[in-house]
Amino acid sequence: MQLSFEQPQEKEPDNATLAQVYARVFSAKDGKMILEDVAKVSGMYRTNFVQGNSDYTSFLEGQRALLLYICSRLNEEQPKNIEGRQKL
């Protein structure tokens, strides 16, 4: 499935191009604000374990994994521009 907000691209962007795009988007003030919001809703600041419900725990961990994926695309070992890490 490919989301289409604009005209479809001719080819998939390479990793270097994607890294530049992620850096450009998430280093801007608005991008940092979005990243912080995603951190809050993804469970970065709370435990995602739900006793007796492994399916829901897995779902919550999937949300958290998305934030970690975005941070990895920014070449960060750990999220550094979210609450508790470093001032923006």
C-alpha atoms as a PDB file:
ATOM      1  CA  MET A   1       0.000   0.000   0.000  1.00  0.00           C
ATOM      2  CA  GLN A   2       1.319   3.420  -0.893  1.00  0.00           C
ATOM      3  CA  LEU A   3      -0.169   6.612   0.466  1.00  0.00           C
ATOM      4  CA  SER A   4      -0.612   9.222  -2.215  1.00  0.00           C
ATOM      5  CA  PHE A   5      -0.720  12.856  -1.148  1.00  0.00           C
ATOM      6  CA  GLU A   6       0.897  14.038  -4.345  1.00  0.00           C
ATOM      7  CA  GLN A   7       1.806  12.488  -7.659  1.00  0.00           C
ATOM      8  CA  PRO A   8       3.386   9.044  -7.183  1.00  0.00           C
ATOM      9  CA  GLN A   9       7.161   8.984  -7.344  1.00  0.00           C
ATOM     10  CA  GLU A  10       8.889   7.301 -10.243  1.00  0.00           C
ATOM     11  CA  LYS A  11      11.161   5.225  -7.983  1.00  0.00           C
ATOM     12  CA  GLU A  12      11.739   4.522  -4.319  1.00  0.00           C
ATOM     13  CA  PRO A  13      14.128   7.026  -2.694  1.00  0.00           C
ATOM     14  CA  ASP A  14      17.458   5.601  -1.559  1.00  0.00           C
ATOM     15  CA  ASN A  15      18.547   5.518   2.094  1.00  0.00           C
ATOM     16  CA  ALA A  16      20.699   8.641   1.813  1.00  0.00           C
ATOM     17  CA  THR A  17      17.807  10.633   0.351  1.00  0.00           C
ATOM     18  CA  LEU A  18      15.437   9.369   3.022  1.00  0.00           C
ATOM     19  CA  ALA A  19      17.936  10.266   5.760  1.00  0.00           C
ATOM     20  CA  GLN A  20      18.148  13.823   4.398  1.00  0.00           C
ATOM     21  CA  VAL A  21      14.364  14.140   4.269  1.00  0.00           C
ATOM     22  CA  TYR A  22      13.902  12.815   7.820  1.00  0.00           C
ATOM     23  CA  ALA A  23      16.602  15.196   9.081  1.00  0.00           C
ATOM     24  CA  ARG A  24      15.046  18.161   7.297  1.00  0.00           C
ATOM     25  CA  VAL A  25      11.527  17.420   8.527  1.00  0.00           C
ATOM     26  CA  PHE A  26      12.336  16.557  12.133  1.00  0.00           C
ATOM     27  CA  SER A  27      15.065  19.135  12.768  1.00  0.00           C
ATOM     28  CA  ALA A  28      12.663  22.007  12.064  1.00  0.00           C
ATOM     29  CA  LYS A  29      10.651  23.456  14.966  1.00  0.00           C
ATOM     30  CA  ASP A  30       7.395  21.920  13.711  1.00  0.00           C
ATOM     31  CA  GLY A  31       9.036  18.539  13.224  1.00  0.00           C
ATOM     32  CA  LYS A  32      10.402  18.563  16.773  1.00  0.00           C
ATOM     33  CA  MET A  33       6.929  19.392  18.042  1.00  0.00           C
ATOM     34  CA  ILE A  34       5.462  16.463  16.101  1.00  0.00           C
ATOM     35  CA  LEU A  35       8.225  14.138  17.313  1.00  0.00           C
ATOM     36  CA  GLU A  36       7.481  15.123  20.916  1.00  0.00           C
ATOM     37  CA  ASP A  37       3.764  14.493  20.397  1.00  0.00           C
ATOM     38  CA  VAL A  38       4.458  11.078  18.864  1.00  0.00           C
ATOM     39  CA  ALA A  39       6.748  10.301  21.824  1.00  0.00           C
ATOM     40  CA  LYS A  40       3.928  11.072  24.249  1.00  0.00           C
ATOM     41  CA  VAL A  41       1.273   8.985  22.487  1.00  0.00           C
ATOM     42  CA  SER A  42       3.624   6.118  21.625  1.00  0.00           C
ATOM     43  CA  GLY A  43       4.361   5.137  25.205  1.00  0.00           C
ATOM     44  CA  MET A  44       7.885   6.483  25.360  1.00  0.00           C
ATOM     45  CA  TYR A  45       7.204   7.893  28.847  1.00  0.00           C
ATOM     46  CA  ARG A  46       5.192   5.025  30.314  1.00  0.00           C
ATOM     47  CA  THR A  47       5.254   1.283  30.514  1.00  0.00           C
ATOM     48  CA  ASN A  48       3.460  -0.448  27.685  1.00  0.00           C
ATOM     49  CA  PHE A  49       3.023  -3.745  29.517  1.00  0.00           C
ATOM     50  CA  VAL A  50      -0.618  -4.713  30.097  1.00  0.00           C
ATOM     51  CA  GLN A  51      -0.811  -7.673  32.460  1.00  0.00           C
ATOM     52  CA  GLY A  52      -2.843 -10.514  31.040  1.00  0.00           C
ATOM     53  CA  ASN A  53      -3.181  -8.945  27.587  1.00  0.00           C
ATOM     54  CA  SER A  54      -0.198  -9.769  25.419  1.00  0.00           C
ATOM     55  CA  ASP A  55      -2.002  -8.678  22.241  1.00  0.00           C
ATOM     56  CA  TYR A  56      -2.582  -5.147  23.548  1.00  0.00           C
ATOM     57  CA  THR A  57       0.955  -5.008  24.942  1.00  0.00           C
ATOM     58  CA  SER A  58       2.233  -5.905  21.465  1.00  0.00           C
ATOM     59  CA  PHE A  59       0.054  -3.210  19.898  1.00  0.00           C
ATOM     60  CA  LEU A  60       1.412  -0.558  22.290  1.00  0.00           C
ATOM     61  CA  GLU A  61       4.986  -1.700  21.662  1.00  0.00           C
ATOM     62  CA  GLY A  62       4.331  -1.372  17.922  1.00  0.00           C
ATOM     63  CA  GLN A  63       3.421   2.288  18.444  1.00  0.00           C
ATOM     64  CA  ARG A  64       6.615   2.821  20.427  1.00  0.00           C
ATOM     65  CA  ALA A  65       8.605   1.031  17.721  1.00  0.00           C
ATOM     66  CA  LEU A  66       7.477   3.618  15.177  1.00  0.00           C
ATOM     67  CA  LEU A  67       9.018   6.427  17.226  1.00  0.00           C
ATOM     68  CA  LEU A  68      12.223   4.444  17.601  1.00  0.00           C
ATOM     69  CA  TYR A  69      12.266   3.845  13.837  1.00  0.00           C
ATOM     70  CA  ILE A  70      11.938   7.584  13.137  1.00  0.00           C
ATOM     71  CA  CYS A  71      14.759   8.292  15.584  1.00  0.00           C
ATOM     72  CA  SER A  72      16.926   5.653  13.928  1.00  0.00           C
ATOM     73  CA  ARG A  73      16.355   7.359  10.560  1.00  0.00           C
ATOM     74  CA  LEU A  74      17.702  10.520  12.185  1.00  0.00           C
ATOM     75  CA  ASN A  75      20.919   8.623  12.948  1.00  0.00           C
ATOM     76  CA  GLU A  76      20.311   8.863  16.666  1.00  0.00           C
ATOM     77  CA  GLU A  77      21.051   5.970  18.956  1.00  0.00           C
ATOM     78  CA  GLN A  78      18.500   7.328  21.418  1.00  0.00           C
ATOM     79  CA  PRO A  79      15.879  10.023  21.028  1.00  0.00           C
ATOM     80  CA  LYS A  80      17.607  13.235  22.090  1.00  0.00           C
ATOM     81  CA  ASN A  81      15.071  15.889  21.248  1.00  0.00           C
ATOM     82  CA  ILE A  82      12.220  14.629  23.399  1.00  0.00           C
ATOM     83  CA  GLU A  83      11.282  15.518  26.958  1.00  0.00           C
ATOM     84  CA  GLY A  84      13.866  14.597  29.532  1.00  0.00           C
ATOM     85  CA  ARG A  85      16.784  14.291  27.127  1.00  0.00           C
ATOM     86  CA  GLN A  86      17.878  17.642  25.826  1.00  0.00           C
ATOM     87  CA  LYS A  87      16.372  21.108  25.451  1.00  0.00           C
ATOM     88  CA  LEU A  88      15.179  21.966  21.947  1.00  0.00           C
END
